[in-house]
Amino acid sequence: MEEKIEKAIEYYNFKSKKMLDFINSSNNLTVDQIIESGEELAILEYKITALEAAKEN
């Protein structure tokens, strides 16, 4: 089970980094795109935190 959690953490970290790279490399994002990206990042970070907590237990 711990292996599945670790793979999920890796996946969500990858998705989070990809989203951050997209945001940081874009010069012409609209306000809506910035808000959507922030919401998606928040969801990813929440999932990572929850998985890390589950891994510790």
PDB file of N, CA and C in Angstrom:
ATOM      1  N   MET A   1       0.816  -1.196   0.000  1.00  0.00           N
ATOM      2  CA  MET A   1       0.000   0.000   0.000  1.00  0.00           C
ATOM      3  C   MET A   1       0.864   1.265   0.000  1.00  0.00           C
ATOM      4  N   GLU A   2       1.957   1.187   0.747  1.00  0.00           N
ATOM      5  CA  GLU A   2       2.835   2.361   0.832  1.00  0.00           C
ATOM      6  C   GLU A   2       3.443   2.697  -0.533  1.00  0.00           C
ATOM      7  N   GLU A   3       3.680   1.680  -1.348  1.00  0.00           N
ATOM      8  CA  GLU A   3       4.227   1.916  -2.682  1.00  0.00           C
ATOM      9  C   GLU A   3       3.228   2.692  -3.548  1.00  0.00           C
ATOM     10  N   LYS A   4       1.956   2.366  -3.430  1.00  0.00           N
ATOM     11  CA  LYS A   4       0.927   3.082  -4.180  1.00  0.00           C
ATOM     12  C   LYS A   4       0.836   4.535  -3.729  1.00  0.00           C
ATOM     13  N   ILE A   5       0.942   4.758  -2.440  1.00  0.00           N
ATOM     14  CA  ILE A   5       0.908   6.121  -1.912  1.00  0.00           C
ATOM     15  C   ILE A   5       2.103   6.910  -2.430  1.00  0.00           C
ATOM     16  N   GLU A   6       3.267   6.279  -2.418  1.00  0.00           N
ATOM     17  CA  GLU A   6       4.483   6.954  -2.897  1.00  0.00           C
ATOM     18  C   GLU A   6       4.372   7.306  -4.379  1.00  0.00           C
ATOM     19  N   LYS A   7       3.821   6.415  -5.174  1.00  0.00           N
ATOM     20  CA  LYS A   7       3.645   6.691  -6.605  1.00  0.00           C
ATOM     21  C   LYS A   7       2.648   7.828  -6.817  1.00  0.00           C
ATOM     22  N   ALA A   8       1.596   7.854  -6.013  1.00  0.00           N
ATOM     23  CA  ALA A   8       0.614   8.934  -6.118  1.00  0.00           C
ATOM     24  C   ALA A   8       1.249  10.272  -5.742  1.00  0.00           C
ATOM     25  N   ILE A   9       2.070  10.283  -4.711  1.00  0.00           N
ATOM     26  CA  ILE A   9       2.772  11.507  -4.304  1.00  0.00           C
ATOM     27  C   ILE A   9       3.684  11.985  -5.430  1.00  0.00           C
ATOM     28  N   GLU A  10       4.421  11.073  -6.036  1.00  0.00           N
ATOM     29  CA  GLU A  10       5.291  11.435  -7.150  1.00  0.00           C
ATOM     30  C   GLU A  10       4.481  12.026  -8.302  1.00  0.00           C
ATOM     31  N   TYR A  11       3.351  11.407  -8.612  1.00  0.00           N
ATOM     32  CA  TYR A  11       2.505  11.878  -9.704  1.00  0.00           C
ATOM     33  C   TYR A  11       1.989  13.286  -9.430  1.00  0.00           C
ATOM     34  N   TYR A  12       1.468  13.526  -8.232  1.00  0.00           N
ATOM     35  CA  TYR A  12       0.935  14.839  -7.903  1.00  0.00           C
ATOM     36  C   TYR A  12       2.033  15.896  -7.813  1.00  0.00           C
ATOM     37  N   ASN A  13       3.212  15.523  -7.357  1.00  0.00           N
ATOM     38  CA  ASN A  13       4.345  16.460  -7.373  1.00  0.00           C
ATOM     39  C   ASN A  13       4.727  16.829  -8.800  1.00  0.00           C
ATOM     40  N   PHE A  14       4.701  15.840  -9.694  1.00  0.00           N
ATOM     41  CA  PHE A  14       4.990  16.098 -11.104  1.00  0.00           C
ATOM     42  C   PHE A  14       3.958  17.057 -11.693  1.00  0.00           C
ATOM     43  N   LYS A  15       2.672  16.788 -11.431  1.00  0.00           N
ATOM     44  CA  LYS A  15       1.607  17.644 -11.950  1.00  0.00           C
ATOM     45  C   LYS A  15       1.735  19.065 -11.391  1.00  0.00           C
ATOM     46  N   SER A  16       2.075  19.184 -10.121  1.00  0.00           N
ATOM     47  CA  SER A  16       2.232  20.484  -9.484  1.00  0.00           C
ATOM     48  C   SER A  16       3.388  21.256 -10.112  1.00  0.00           C
ATOM     49  N   LYS A  17       4.524  20.577 -10.325  1.00  0.00           N
ATOM     50  CA  LYS A  17       5.674  21.233 -10.943  1.00  0.00           C
ATOM     51  C   LYS A  17       5.347  21.660 -12.368  1.00  0.00           C
ATOM     52  N   LYS A  18       4.647  20.811 -13.097  1.00  0.00           N
ATOM     53  CA  LYS A  18       4.258  21.142 -14.469  1.00  0.00           C
ATOM     54  C   LYS A  18       3.369  22.382 -14.491  1.00  0.00           C
ATOM     55  N   MET A  19       2.431  22.476 -13.545  1.00  0.00           N
ATOM     56  CA  MET A  19       1.536  23.628 -13.464  1.00  0.00           C
ATOM     57  C   MET A  19       2.326  24.891 -13.116  1.00  0.00           C
ATOM     58  N   LEU A  20       3.244  24.798 -12.164  1.00  0.00           N
ATOM     59  CA  LEU A  20       4.066  25.952 -11.791  1.00  0.00           C
ATOM     60  C   LEU A  20       4.941  26.415 -12.947  1.00  0.00           C
ATOM     61  N   ASP A  21       5.516  25.458 -13.671  1.00  0.00           N
ATOM     62  CA  ASP A  21       6.330  25.818 -14.834  1.00  0.00           C
ATOM     63  C   ASP A  21       5.497  26.547 -15.878  1.00  0.00           C
ATOM     64  N   PHE A  22       4.272  26.072 -16.103  1.00  0.00           N
ATOM     65  CA  PHE A  22       3.375  26.713 -17.063  1.00  0.00           C
ATOM     66  C   PHE A  22       3.069  28.146 -16.646  1.00  0.00           C
ATOM     67  N   ILE A  23       2.751  28.326 -15.370  1.00  0.00           N
ATOM     68  CA  ILE A  23       2.411  29.663 -14.858  1.00  0.00           C
ATOM     69  C   ILE A  23       3.615  30.594 -14.963  1.00  0.00           C
ATOM     70  N   ASN A  24       4.761  30.113 -14.536  1.00  0.00           N
ATOM     71  CA  ASN A  24       5.957  30.953 -14.520  1.00  0.00           C
ATOM     72  C   ASN A  24       6.487  31.285 -15.909  1.00  0.00           C
ATOM     73  N   SER A  25       6.213  30.433 -16.880  1.00  0.00           N
ATOM     74  CA  SER A  25       6.730  30.679 -18.223  1.00  0.00           C
ATOM     75  C   SER A  25       5.766  31.482 -19.097  1.00  0.00           C
ATOM     76  N   SER A  26       4.548  31.682 -18.618  1.00  0.00           N
ATOM     77  CA  SER A  26       3.552  32.406 -19.413  1.00  0.00           C
ATOM     78  C   SER A  26       3.562  33.890 -19.069  1.00  0.00           C
ATOM     79  N   ASN A  27       3.614  34.703 -20.087  1.00  0.00           N
ATOM     80  CA  ASN A  27       3.626  36.153 -19.889  1.00  0.00           C
ATOM     81  C   ASN A  27       2.274  36.802 -20.111  1.00  0.00           C
ATOM     82  N   ASN A  28       1.341  36.062 -20.653  1.00  0.00           N
ATOM     83  CA  ASN A  28       0.068  36.678 -21.014  1.00  0.00           C
ATOM     84  C   ASN A  28      -1.142  35.889 -20.497  1.00  0.00           C
ATOM     85  N   LEU A  29      -1.078  35.435 -19.266  1.00  0.00           N
ATOM     86  CA  LEU A  29      -2.215  34.735 -18.676  1.00  0.00           C
ATOM     87  C   LEU A  29      -3.311  35.729 -18.323  1.00  0.00           C
ATOM     88  N   THR A  30      -4.539  35.295 -18.517  1.00  0.00           N
ATOM     89  CA  THR A  30      -5.658  36.133 -18.100  1.00  0.00           C
ATOM     90  C   THR A  30      -5.878  35.942 -16.608  1.00  0.00           C
ATOM     91  N   VAL A  31      -6.671  36.806 -16.028  1.00  0.00           N
ATOM     92  CA  VAL A  31      -6.988  36.700 -14.601  1.00  0.00           C
ATOM     93  C   VAL A  31      -7.672  35.369 -14.321  1.00  0.00           C
ATOM     94  N   ASP A  32      -8.579  34.983 -15.200  1.00  0.00           N
ATOM     95  CA  ASP A  32      -9.280  33.710 -15.018  1.00  0.00           C
ATOM     96  C   ASP A  32      -8.322  32.524 -15.056  1.00  0.00           C
ATOM     97  N   GLN A  33      -7.350  32.565 -15.955  1.00  0.00           N
ATOM     98  CA  GLN A  33      -6.369  31.483 -16.042  1.00  0.00           C
ATOM     99  C   GLN A  33      -5.510  31.417 -14.786  1.00  0.00           C
ATOM    100  N   ILE A  34      -5.149  32.564 -14.255  1.00  0.00           N
ATOM    101  CA  ILE A  34      -4.343  32.601 -13.027  1.00  0.00           C
ATOM    102  C   ILE A  34      -5.146  32.032 -11.860  1.00  0.00           C
ATOM    103  N   ILE A  35      -6.402  32.405 -11.760  1.00  0.00           N
ATOM    104  CA  ILE A  35      -7.260  31.903 -10.678  1.00  0.00           C
ATOM    105  C   ILE A  35      -7.455  30.401 -10.811  1.00  0.00           C
ATOM    106  N   GLU A  36      -7.756  29.928 -12.016  1.00  0.00           N
ATOM    107  CA  GLU A  36      -7.941  28.490 -12.236  1.00  0.00           C
ATOM    108  C   GLU A  36      -6.676  27.717 -11.896  1.00  0.00           C
ATOM    109  N   SER A  37      -5.549  28.230 -12.324  1.00  0.00           N
ATOM    110  CA  SER A  37      -4.282  27.565 -12.043  1.00  0.00           C
ATOM    111  C   SER A  37      -4.006  27.528 -10.542  1.00  0.00           C
ATOM    112  N   GLY A  38      -4.302  28.605  -9.851  1.00  0.00           N
ATOM    113  CA  GLY A  38      -4.125  28.641  -8.401  1.00  0.00           C
ATOM    114  C   GLY A  38      -5.018  27.648  -7.696  1.00  0.00           C
ATOM    115  N   GLU A  39      -6.250  27.531  -8.168  1.00  0.00           N
ATOM    116  CA  GLU A  39      -7.174  26.561  -7.575  1.00  0.00           C
ATOM    117  C   GLU A  39      -6.685  25.129  -7.812  1.00  0.00           C
ATOM    118  N   GLU A  40      -6.208  24.852  -9.020  1.00  0.00           N
ATOM    119  CA  GLU A  40      -5.683  23.523  -9.326  1.00  0.00           C
ATOM    120  C   GLU A  40      -4.449  23.211  -8.484  1.00  0.00           C
ATOM    121  N   LEU A  41      -3.575  24.202  -8.306  1.00  0.00           N
ATOM    122  CA  LEU A  41      -2.396  24.002  -7.459  1.00  0.00           C
ATOM    123  C   LEU A  41      -2.791  23.724  -6.014  1.00  0.00           C
ATOM    124  N   ALA A  42      -3.792  24.437  -5.526  1.00  0.00           N
ATOM    125  CA  ALA A  42      -4.254  24.225  -4.152  1.00  0.00           C
ATOM    126  C   ALA A  42      -4.774  22.803  -3.982  1.00  0.00           C
ATOM    127  N   ILE A  43      -5.523  22.319  -4.957  1.00  0.00           N
ATOM    128  CA  ILE A  43      -6.048  20.950  -4.902  1.00  0.00           C
ATOM    129  C   ILE A  43      -4.908  19.939  -4.909  1.00  0.00           C
ATOM    130  N   LEU A  44      -3.937  20.151  -5.789  1.00  0.00           N
ATOM    131  CA  LEU A  44      -2.790  19.241  -5.846  1.00  0.00           C
ATOM    132  C   LEU A  44      -2.022  19.230  -4.530  1.00  0.00           C
ATOM    133  N   GLU A  45      -1.787  20.405  -3.970  1.00  0.00           N
ATOM    134  CA  GLU A  45      -1.059  20.482  -2.697  1.00  0.00           C
ATOM    135  C   GLU A  45      -1.836  19.809  -1.563  1.00  0.00           C
ATOM    136  N   TYR A  46      -3.161  19.944  -1.579  1.00  0.00           N
ATOM    137  CA  TYR A  46      -3.987  19.283  -0.572  1.00  0.00           C
ATOM    138  C   TYR A  46      -3.852  17.767  -0.699  1.00  0.00           C
ATOM    139  N   LYS A  47      -3.892  17.263  -1.927  1.00  0.00           N
ATOM    140  CA  LYS A  47      -3.767  15.823  -2.143  1.00  0.00           C
ATOM    141  C   LYS A  47      -2.403  15.322  -1.697  1.00  0.00           C
ATOM    142  N   ILE A  48      -1.348  16.075  -2.008  1.00  0.00           N
ATOM    143  CA  ILE A  48      -0.002  15.684  -1.594  1.00  0.00           C
ATOM    144  C   ILE A  48       0.085  15.633  -0.075  1.00  0.00           C
ATOM    145  N   THR A  49      -0.452  16.648   0.588  1.00  0.00           N
ATOM    146  CA  THR A  49      -0.414  16.689   2.055  1.00  0.00           C
ATOM    147  C   THR A  49      -1.173  15.508   2.654  1.00  0.00           C
ATOM    148  N   ALA A  50      -2.350  15.221   2.105  1.00  0.00           N
ATOM    149  CA  ALA A  50      -3.154  14.102   2.611  1.00  0.00           C
ATOM    150  C   ALA A  50      -2.447  12.767   2.409  1.00  0.00           C
ATOM    151  N   LEU A  51      -1.816  12.601   1.261  1.00  0.00           N
ATOM    152  CA  LEU A  51      -1.094  11.351   1.001  1.00  0.00           C
ATOM    153  C   LEU A  51       0.117  11.207   1.899  1.00  0.00           C
ATOM    154  N   GLU A  52       0.831  12.305   2.148  1.00  0.00           N
ATOM    155  CA  GLU A  52       1.978  12.234   3.056  1.00  0.00           C
ATOM    156  C   GLU A  52       1.541  11.908   4.472  1.00  0.00           C
ATOM    157  N   ALA A  53       0.399  12.431   4.896  1.00  0.00           N
ATOM    158  CA  ALA A  53      -0.129  12.109   6.222  1.00  0.00           C
ATOM    159  C   ALA A  53      -0.524  10.638   6.281  1.00  0.00           C
ATOM    160  N   ALA A  54      -1.147  10.135   5.218  1.00  0.00           N
ATOM    161  CA  ALA A  54      -1.538   8.724   5.175  1.00  0.00           C
ATOM    162  C   ALA A  54      -0.314   7.816   5.190  1.00  0.00           C
ATOM    163  N   LYS A  55       0.743   8.255   4.543  1.00  0.00           N
ATOM    164  CA  LYS A  55       1.984   7.472   4.492  1.00  0.00           C
ATOM    165  C   LYS A  55       2.603   7.336   5.872  1.00  0.00           C
ATOM    166  N   GLU A  56       2.500   8.381   6.693  1.00  0.00           N
ATOM    167  CA  GLU A  56       3.077   8.359   8.034  1.00  0.00           C
ATOM    168  C   GLU A  56       2.301   7.456   8.985  1.00  0.00           C
ATOM    169  N   ASN A  57       1.017   7.287   8.707  1.00  0.00           N
ATOM    170  CA  ASN A  57       0.186   6.454   9.601  1.00  0.00           C
ATOM    171  C   ASN A  57       0.241   5.044   9.182  1.00  0.00           C
TER     172      ASN A  57
END
